[in-house]
Amino acid sequence: MNTPIQQVHPSSKAHAGMSRLVALLFALCSGLSVASIYYAQPLLDAMAREFRISHSHIGVIITVTQVCYALGLFFLVPLGDLVNRRKLIIAQMLFSVTALLIVGTTSSSSILFTGMALVGLLAVNTQALVAFAAVLAAPSERGWIVGLVTSGIVIGILLARTVAGTLNDWIGWRSVYLFSASLTLLGVVALLLLLPKHEPQRTKLNYAQLLISVIQLYRELPMLRIRGVLGMLIFTAFSILWTAMVLPLSAPPFSLSHTAIGAFGLAGAAGALAAARAGKLADRGLGQYTTGFALLLLLLSWLPIGFVHQSLWFLIVGVIVLDLAVQAVHVTNQSLIYQVRPEAQSRLTAAYMIFYSVGSATGSIASTMMYAWSGWTGVCWLGAGVSAAAFLFWAIDRYLQRNIIQSSCVPTHHGN
């Protein structure tokens, strides 16, 4: 028997909007939370040496972290529709501080893996912040608010490698997690002071019904299915670039250090910031046009990326354009999805971000396999192929929607 999804309307206070200061705080805390699952990528060599773990097994740290992140998306993020979001976010951040301290101080490899699992599980707090921001924002500015917070997430992902590589070179890999724990604790203090205490009415579902309702959303909302597939494809392309990019840059003739490679995240962050306007365009009803243009940019970005061996400037341009496009589509996706079922923001976030996790994992695996098979050229063709698939999927869906609208407008003539 299917459990109906409760229609619970937010209170009027929820639509009063949120200040720019609170929105920026949400963006900073979101970026800090999600960065915690990406710190390990440039640190694997150092961890393997200290704990005497073989290189063939140390990569399991990344797998464990990502798997636990996916579990958190399904089991923790929907709680925002059930319990007090303010208490939930602060509690998860405090637990994150503990998990980061465990990783930064442990002398046991088994505890290291346990700590990383907890870090991945609790990093989904970033999505709880996005959903809360969508609830607090006034309808007229929801796209802009979501875009601003999501920019913080993308910048956190991109700069995590830079920060981790730099701190590792200076004072060791443990400093990365201790530094992150300190910043997260400061974020808790700031949220306690600035996080709004009023909340909209919450769902009357119990926890089991809440999880069932997440699955029901896929069946009931075509918008979620369509935008979820687009999200999966764009993050597959995103992961293809960022996973494989280290391979040619660390090899001759470039032979760049991890710190130098991580600095390319600065270029990506510039693109992410530029795409924050996508939320405003979605608020004005231009979400479909923004999506189409951004997907075209995503496809074109692979052209300069493919010329990396001619000049690193080509790669920089390509990274900026690719991250701008991915961010624009991602923000638009979330803005449009949140408009469909305002009372289920946390569950919608969980349902959509599961597509993101699938895309990220697929892109990581596919890119390394393709690089081993046909080098950087093969990686670029793979990324361009996924990007083209995303554009075609959007174009076909747009064409079908127009036909449905046109057919519904054709007058029916009945003869006597």
Protein backbone atom coordinates (compact mmCIF):
# COMPACT_ATOMS: atom_id res chain seq x y z
CA MET A 1 0.00 0.00 0.00
CA ASN A 2 1.42 3.35 -1.05
CA THR A 3 1.75 6.03 1.56
CA PRO A 4 0.49 9.38 0.23
CA ILE A 5 2.87 12.31 0.34
CA GLN A 6 1.49 14.85 2.75
CA GLN A 7 0.78 18.29 1.39
CA VAL A 8 2.07 20.63 4.09
CA HIS A 9 2.20 24.30 3.31
CA PRO A 10 4.91 26.50 4.75
CA SER A 11 3.92 29.18 7.12
CA SER A 12 3.97 32.77 6.07
CA LYS A 13 7.13 33.37 8.06
CA ALA A 14 9.01 31.02 5.77
CA HIS A 15 8.38 33.32 2.87
CA ALA A 16 9.74 36.46 4.51
CA GLY A 17 13.05 35.80 2.79
CA MET A 18 16.54 35.53 4.18
CA SER A 19 19.25 38.15 4.49
CA ARG A 20 22.34 38.18 2.30
CA LEU A 21 24.50 37.58 5.38
CA VAL A 22 22.63 34.37 6.28
CA ALA A 23 22.71 33.24 2.65
CA LEU A 24 26.49 33.73 2.54
CA LEU A 25 26.85 31.81 5.82
CA PHE A 26 24.86 28.94 4.32
CA ALA A 27 27.15 28.98 1.28
CA LEU A 28 30.31 28.92 3.42
CA CYS A 29 29.08 26.11 5.68
CA SER A 30 27.85 24.10 2.69
CA GLY A 31 31.19 24.42 0.93
CA LEU A 32 33.05 23.48 4.09
CA SER A 33 30.89 20.37 4.63
CA VAL A 34 31.21 19.01 1.11
CA ALA A 35 34.95 19.75 0.93
CA SER A 36 35.55 17.18 3.67
CA ILE A 37 34.91 14.28 1.29
CA TYR A 38 37.36 15.60 -1.32
CA TYR A 39 40.36 16.38 0.91
CA ALA A 40 41.61 12.79 0.75
CA GLN A 41 42.22 12.68 -3.02
CA PRO A 42 45.64 14.43 -3.00
CA LEU A 43 46.52 12.91 0.40
CA LEU A 44 46.31 9.21 -0.48
CA ASP A 45 50.06 8.83 -1.01
CA ALA A 46 50.87 10.34 2.39
CA MET A 47 48.23 8.22 4.14
CA ALA A 48 49.46 5.06 2.42
CA ARG A 49 53.04 5.69 3.56
CA GLU A 50 52.15 6.43 7.18
CA PHE A 51 49.76 3.51 7.67
CA ARG A 52 51.71 1.17 5.39
CA ILE A 53 48.73 0.54 3.16
CA SER A 54 49.37 -0.56 -0.42
CA HIS A 55 48.43 1.84 -3.22
CA SER A 56 46.01 -0.78 -4.56
CA HIS A 57 44.04 -0.63 -1.28
CA ILE A 58 44.36 3.00 -0.17
CA GLY A 59 41.85 4.05 -2.83
CA VAL A 60 39.17 2.25 -0.81
CA ILE A 61 39.11 5.37 1.39
CA ILE A 62 37.53 7.32 -1.47
CA THR A 63 35.06 4.53 -2.18
CA VAL A 64 34.00 4.24 1.48
CA THR A 65 33.55 8.00 1.75
CA GLN A 66 31.41 8.23 -1.40
CA VAL A 67 29.28 5.19 -0.51
CA CYS A 68 28.55 6.62 2.94
CA TYR A 69 27.75 9.99 1.37
CA ALA A 70 25.17 8.30 -0.87
CA LEU A 71 23.68 6.53 2.17
CA GLY A 72 23.47 9.84 3.99
CA LEU A 73 21.60 11.39 1.07
CA PHE A 74 18.82 8.82 1.40
CA PHE A 75 18.71 8.27 5.17
CA LEU A 76 19.67 11.67 6.65
CA VAL A 77 18.76 14.48 4.24
CA PRO A 78 14.98 13.72 4.20
CA LEU A 79 14.94 14.23 7.99
CA GLY A 80 14.81 17.96 7.29
CA ASP A 81 11.12 17.57 6.42
CA LEU A 82 10.47 15.68 9.67
CA VAL A 83 12.47 17.34 12.46
CA ASN A 84 13.64 20.83 13.36
CA ARG A 85 16.11 21.78 10.60
CA ARG A 86 18.06 24.19 12.77
CA LYS A 87 18.80 21.53 15.40
CA LEU A 88 19.47 18.88 12.73
CA ILE A 89 22.05 21.00 10.89
CA ILE A 90 23.88 22.07 14.03
CA ALA A 91 23.92 18.51 15.43
CA GLN A 92 25.31 17.10 12.19
CA MET A 93 28.02 19.74 12.07
CA LEU A 94 29.06 18.93 15.64
CA PHE A 95 29.26 15.24 14.76
CA SER A 96 31.31 16.22 11.71
CA VAL A 97 33.80 18.00 13.96
CA THR A 98 34.19 14.76 15.93
CA ALA A 99 34.64 12.67 12.77
CA LEU A 100 37.27 15.06 11.38
CA LEU A 101 39.17 14.99 14.67
CA ILE A 102 39.12 11.18 14.61
CA VAL A 103 40.68 11.16 11.13
CA GLY A 104 43.24 13.81 12.05
CA THR A 105 44.45 12.14 15.23
CA THR A 106 44.13 8.38 14.71
CA SER A 107 47.12 6.04 14.67
CA SER A 108 45.11 3.03 13.49
CA SER A 109 44.20 2.29 9.87
CA SER A 110 40.89 0.69 10.89
CA ILE A 111 39.90 3.81 12.84
CA LEU A 112 41.01 5.90 9.86
CA PHE A 113 38.56 4.07 7.59
CA THR A 114 35.81 4.37 10.21
CA GLY A 115 36.43 8.08 10.58
CA MET A 116 36.35 8.61 6.81
CA ALA A 117 33.06 6.70 6.63
CA LEU A 118 31.58 9.07 9.24
CA VAL A 119 32.99 12.09 7.38
CA GLY A 120 31.22 10.95 4.19
CA LEU A 121 27.95 10.18 5.98
CA LEU A 122 27.81 13.57 7.72
CA ALA A 123 28.96 15.60 4.69
CA VAL A 124 25.35 15.43 3.43
CA ASN A 125 24.70 18.27 5.86
CA THR A 126 25.55 20.47 2.89
CA GLN A 127 22.33 19.32 1.21
CA ALA A 128 20.34 19.94 4.39
CA LEU A 129 21.58 23.53 4.22
CA VAL A 130 20.49 23.87 0.59
CA ALA A 131 17.01 22.56 1.39
CA PHE A 132 16.70 24.87 4.42
CA ALA A 133 17.78 27.84 2.31
CA ALA A 134 15.10 26.98 -0.26
CA VAL A 135 12.49 26.86 2.52
CA LEU A 136 13.53 30.17 4.07
CA ALA A 137 13.85 32.07 0.77
CA ALA A 138 10.95 34.06 -0.58
CA PRO A 139 9.51 32.45 -3.75
CA SER A 140 10.66 35.41 -5.87
CA GLU A 141 14.28 34.96 -4.81
CA ARG A 142 14.47 31.19 -4.28
CA GLY A 143 16.50 30.56 -7.43
CA TRP A 144 19.03 33.23 -6.52
CA ILE A 145 19.39 31.95 -2.95
CA VAL A 146 19.80 28.34 -4.09
CA GLY A 147 22.32 29.50 -6.69
CA LEU A 148 24.36 31.34 -4.08
CA VAL A 149 24.44 28.40 -1.66
CA THR A 150 25.19 25.94 -4.45
CA SER A 151 28.07 28.15 -5.59
CA GLY A 152 29.55 27.65 -2.15
CA ILE A 153 29.26 23.89 -2.60
CA VAL A 154 30.96 23.83 -6.00
CA ILE A 155 33.72 26.14 -4.80
CA GLY A 156 34.20 23.90 -1.76
CA ILE A 157 34.59 20.86 -4.02
CA LEU A 158 37.05 22.62 -6.31
CA LEU A 159 39.18 24.24 -3.61
CA ALA A 160 39.33 21.17 -1.36
CA ARG A 161 42.16 19.69 -3.44
CA THR A 162 44.06 22.97 -3.43
CA VAL A 163 43.81 23.44 0.33
CA ALA A 164 44.60 19.79 1.08
CA GLY A 165 47.61 19.70 -1.24
CA THR A 166 49.04 22.94 0.12
CA LEU A 167 48.62 22.05 3.80
CA ASN A 168 50.02 18.57 3.16
CA ASP A 169 53.14 20.06 1.57
CA TRP A 170 53.60 22.48 4.48
CA ILE A 171 52.73 20.60 7.69
CA GLY A 172 51.41 17.15 6.82
CA TRP A 173 48.11 15.52 5.88
CA ARG A 174 46.69 15.48 9.42
CA SER A 175 46.65 19.26 9.49
CA VAL A 176 44.01 19.25 6.73
CA TYR A 177 41.43 17.49 8.91
CA LEU A 178 42.33 19.39 12.08
CA PHE A 179 42.04 22.68 10.19
CA SER A 180 38.69 21.60 8.74
CA ALA A 181 37.42 20.59 12.20
CA SER A 182 38.34 24.03 13.55
CA LEU A 183 36.53 25.85 10.73
CA THR A 184 33.49 23.61 11.11
CA LEU A 185 33.31 24.42 14.83
CA LEU A 186 33.43 28.13 13.99
CA GLY A 187 30.61 27.51 11.52
CA VAL A 188 28.53 25.94 14.30
CA VAL A 189 28.99 29.06 16.45
CA ALA A 190 27.99 31.32 13.56
CA LEU A 191 24.91 29.25 12.79
CA LEU A 192 23.84 29.28 16.43
CA LEU A 193 23.95 33.07 16.33
CA LEU A 194 22.42 33.70 12.91
CA LEU A 195 20.32 30.70 11.92
CA PRO A 196 16.60 31.62 11.97
CA LYS A 197 14.62 29.93 14.74
CA HIS A 198 11.23 30.00 13.03
CA GLU A 199 10.32 27.11 10.78
CA PRO A 200 7.46 26.12 8.50
CA GLN A 201 5.08 23.39 9.57
CA ARG A 202 6.65 19.94 9.12
CA THR A 203 5.25 16.78 7.62
CA LYS A 204 3.19 14.40 9.79
CA LEU A 205 4.81 11.31 8.27
CA ASN A 206 6.87 8.97 10.40
CA TYR A 207 10.45 8.13 9.42
CA ALA A 208 9.61 4.97 7.46
CA GLN A 209 6.85 6.76 5.54
CA LEU A 210 9.25 9.63 4.90
CA LEU A 211 11.76 7.33 3.18
CA ILE A 212 8.99 5.67 1.16
CA SER A 213 7.80 9.11 0.06
CA VAL A 214 11.26 9.86 -1.39
CA ILE A 215 10.82 6.92 -3.76
CA GLN A 216 7.27 8.04 -4.53
CA LEU A 217 8.57 11.42 -5.65
CA TYR A 218 10.34 9.76 -8.58
CA ARG A 219 7.05 8.27 -9.72
CA GLU A 220 4.91 11.35 -9.19
CA LEU A 221 7.14 14.16 -10.47
CA PRO A 222 8.28 14.10 -14.13
CA MET A 223 10.26 17.28 -13.45
CA LEU A 224 12.34 15.43 -10.86
CA ARG A 225 13.05 12.54 -13.24
CA ILE A 226 14.04 14.81 -16.14
CA ARG A 227 16.17 17.17 -14.08
CA GLY A 228 17.68 14.23 -12.20
CA VAL A 229 18.90 12.66 -15.45
CA LEU A 230 20.35 15.99 -16.55
CA GLY A 231 22.08 16.32 -13.17
CA MET A 232 23.52 12.82 -13.50
CA LEU A 233 24.92 13.55 -16.97
CA ILE A 234 26.47 16.93 -16.15
CA PHE A 235 28.16 15.58 -13.03
CA THR A 236 29.41 12.59 -15.00
CA ALA A 237 31.11 15.07 -17.36
CA PHE A 238 32.36 17.11 -14.38
CA SER A 239 33.86 14.03 -12.74
CA ILE A 240 35.42 12.84 -16.01
CA LEU A 241 37.47 16.03 -16.19
CA TRP A 242 38.46 16.42 -12.54
CA THR A 243 39.30 12.77 -11.93
CA ALA A 244 41.45 12.28 -15.04
CA MET A 245 43.05 15.73 -15.17
CA VAL A 246 45.71 14.86 -12.59
CA LEU A 247 47.07 12.06 -14.82
CA PRO A 248 48.46 14.10 -17.76
CA LEU A 249 49.39 17.08 -15.56
CA SER A 250 51.48 14.99 -13.17
CA ALA A 251 53.27 13.22 -16.03
CA PRO A 252 55.95 14.64 -18.40
CA PRO A 253 56.18 17.14 -19.98
CA PHE A 254 54.20 19.00 -17.28
CA SER A 255 55.21 17.04 -14.15
CA LEU A 256 53.21 19.40 -11.91
CA SER A 257 52.99 18.94 -8.15
CA HIS A 258 49.69 18.15 -6.41
CA THR A 259 49.60 21.72 -5.12
CA ALA A 260 49.97 23.13 -8.63
CA ILE A 261 47.34 20.76 -10.03
CA GLY A 262 44.96 21.65 -7.21
CA ALA A 263 45.36 25.32 -8.12
CA PHE A 264 43.31 24.66 -11.25
CA GLY A 265 40.39 24.56 -8.84
CA LEU A 266 40.73 28.34 -8.63
CA ALA A 267 39.86 28.57 -12.32
CA GLY A 268 36.89 26.30 -11.79
CA ALA A 269 35.74 28.39 -8.84
CA ALA A 270 35.70 31.47 -11.07
CA GLY A 271 33.35 29.68 -13.44
CA ALA A 272 31.14 28.55 -10.57
CA LEU A 273 30.81 32.11 -9.27
CA ALA A 274 29.92 33.40 -12.72
CA ALA A 275 27.10 30.85 -12.98
CA ALA A 276 25.37 32.01 -9.79
CA ARG A 277 23.17 34.24 -11.95
CA ALA A 278 21.47 31.14 -13.32
CA GLY A 279 19.22 31.07 -10.25
CA LYS A 280 17.98 34.60 -11.00
CA LEU A 281 17.19 33.60 -14.58
CA ALA A 282 15.20 30.62 -13.27
CA ASP A 283 13.25 32.98 -10.98
CA ARG A 284 12.30 34.97 -14.11
CA GLY A 285 10.97 31.87 -15.89
CA LEU A 286 14.01 31.41 -18.14
CA GLY A 287 15.15 28.08 -16.72
CA GLN A 288 14.74 26.13 -19.97
CA TYR A 289 16.71 28.64 -22.04
CA THR A 290 19.46 28.80 -19.40
CA THR A 291 19.68 25.00 -19.42
CA GLY A 292 19.98 24.75 -23.21
CA PHE A 293 22.64 27.45 -23.46
CA ALA A 294 24.65 26.03 -20.55
CA LEU A 295 24.55 22.49 -22.00
CA LEU A 296 25.85 23.83 -25.31
CA LEU A 297 28.70 25.53 -23.45
CA LEU A 298 29.41 22.26 -21.64
CA LEU A 299 29.84 20.48 -24.98
CA LEU A 300 32.04 23.24 -26.44
CA SER A 301 34.26 23.34 -23.34
CA TRP A 302 35.89 20.04 -24.31
CA LEU A 303 37.45 21.64 -27.41
CA PRO A 304 40.00 23.80 -25.52
CA ILE A 305 40.40 21.08 -22.88
CA GLY A 306 41.56 18.72 -25.63
CA PHE A 307 44.45 21.07 -26.53
CA VAL A 308 46.09 20.90 -23.10
CA HIS A 309 49.38 19.66 -24.57
CA GLN A 310 49.59 22.78 -26.75
CA SER A 311 49.16 25.15 -23.81
CA LEU A 312 47.89 25.01 -20.24
CA TRP A 313 45.92 28.17 -21.01
CA PHE A 314 43.59 26.09 -23.18
CA LEU A 315 42.88 23.89 -20.17
CA ILE A 316 42.25 26.89 -17.93
CA VAL A 317 39.71 28.31 -20.37
CA GLY A 318 38.03 24.93 -20.74
CA VAL A 319 37.83 24.42 -16.97
CA ILE A 320 36.20 27.83 -16.45
CA VAL A 321 33.62 27.22 -19.19
CA LEU A 322 32.87 23.64 -18.08
CA ASP A 323 32.38 24.55 -14.43
CA LEU A 324 30.25 27.57 -15.37
CA ALA A 325 28.01 25.32 -17.48
CA VAL A 326 27.71 22.56 -14.87
CA GLN A 327 26.91 25.05 -12.14
CA ALA A 328 24.31 26.85 -14.27
CA VAL A 329 22.44 23.64 -15.06
CA HIS A 330 22.71 22.38 -11.48
CA VAL A 331 21.31 25.59 -9.99
CA THR A 332 18.52 25.69 -12.57
CA ASN A 333 17.65 22.05 -11.86
CA GLN A 334 17.28 22.70 -8.16
CA SER A 335 15.31 25.92 -8.65
CA LEU A 336 12.77 24.22 -10.91
CA ILE A 337 12.46 21.11 -8.73
CA TYR A 338 11.84 23.12 -5.55
CA GLN A 339 8.94 24.93 -7.22
CA VAL A 340 7.06 21.68 -7.79
CA ARG A 341 6.65 20.51 -4.18
CA PRO A 342 7.59 23.31 -1.73
CA GLU A 343 6.67 21.28 1.36
CA ALA A 344 9.15 18.49 0.51
CA GLN A 345 12.38 20.42 -0.02
CA SER A 346 14.61 18.02 1.93
CA ARG A 347 13.20 14.93 0.22
CA LEU A 348 13.48 16.57 -3.19
CA THR A 349 17.11 17.43 -2.43
CA ALA A 350 17.84 13.83 -1.44
CA ALA A 351 16.08 12.40 -4.51
CA TYR A 352 17.89 14.74 -6.90
CA MET A 353 21.34 14.42 -5.34
CA ILE A 354 21.23 10.63 -5.59
CA PHE A 355 21.46 11.19 -9.37
CA TYR A 356 24.47 13.42 -8.68
CA SER A 357 26.20 10.64 -6.74
CA VAL A 358 25.61 8.14 -9.53
CA GLY A 359 27.00 10.58 -12.10
CA SER A 360 30.08 11.40 -10.03
CA ALA A 361 30.91 7.75 -9.39
CA THR A 362 30.34 6.79 -13.03
CA GLY A 363 32.50 9.63 -14.32
CA SER A 364 35.38 8.76 -11.97
CA ILE A 365 35.46 5.11 -13.00
CA ALA A 366 34.94 5.72 -16.71
CA SER A 367 37.57 8.47 -16.97
CA THR A 368 40.43 6.46 -15.47
CA MET A 369 39.55 3.43 -17.61
CA MET A 370 39.40 5.57 -20.74
CA TYR A 371 42.73 7.26 -19.94
CA ALA A 372 44.40 3.85 -19.56
CA TRP A 373 42.93 2.77 -22.89
CA SER A 374 43.39 5.83 -25.12
CA GLY A 375 44.97 8.66 -23.13
CA TRP A 376 43.78 12.24 -22.73
CA THR A 377 42.23 12.33 -26.21
CA GLY A 378 39.96 9.45 -25.27
CA VAL A 379 38.98 11.21 -22.03
CA CYS A 380 38.01 14.34 -23.95
CA TRP A 381 35.92 12.36 -26.44
CA LEU A 382 34.22 10.60 -23.54
CA GLY A 383 33.44 13.90 -21.83
CA ALA A 384 32.19 15.44 -25.07
CA GLY A 385 30.00 12.38 -25.71
CA VAL A 386 28.37 12.60 -22.28
CA SER A 387 27.89 16.36 -22.73
CA ALA A 388 26.30 15.81 -26.15
CA ALA A 389 23.98 13.20 -24.64
CA ALA A 390 22.87 15.72 -22.02
CA PHE A 391 22.15 18.37 -24.67
CA LEU A 392 20.21 15.91 -26.84
CA PHE A 393 18.21 14.69 -23.83
CA TRP A 394 17.23 18.27 -23.00
CA ALA A 395 16.41 19.10 -26.63
CA ILE A 396 14.21 16.01 -27.07
CA ASP A 397 12.36 16.67 -23.82
CA ARG A 398 11.87 20.31 -24.83
CA TYR A 399 10.50 19.24 -28.22
CA LEU A 400 8.06 16.78 -26.64
CA GLN A 401 6.86 19.36 -24.12
CA ARG A 402 6.17 21.87 -26.89
CA ASN A 403 4.19 19.29 -28.85
CA ILE A 404 2.11 18.44 -25.79
CA ILE A 405 1.39 22.12 -25.16
CA GLN A 406 0.51 22.75 -28.81
CA SER A 407 -1.77 19.71 -29.03
CA SER A 408 -3.60 20.76 -25.88
CA CYS A 409 -4.26 24.19 -27.42
CA VAL A 410 -5.80 22.86 -30.66
CA PRO A 411 -9.57 23.47 -30.56
CA THR A 412 -11.79 20.42 -31.01
CA HIS A 413 -14.67 20.82 -33.52
CA HIS A 414 -17.76 18.66 -33.07
CA GLY A 415 -20.04 18.15 -36.05
CA ASN A 416 -23.84 18.09 -35.76
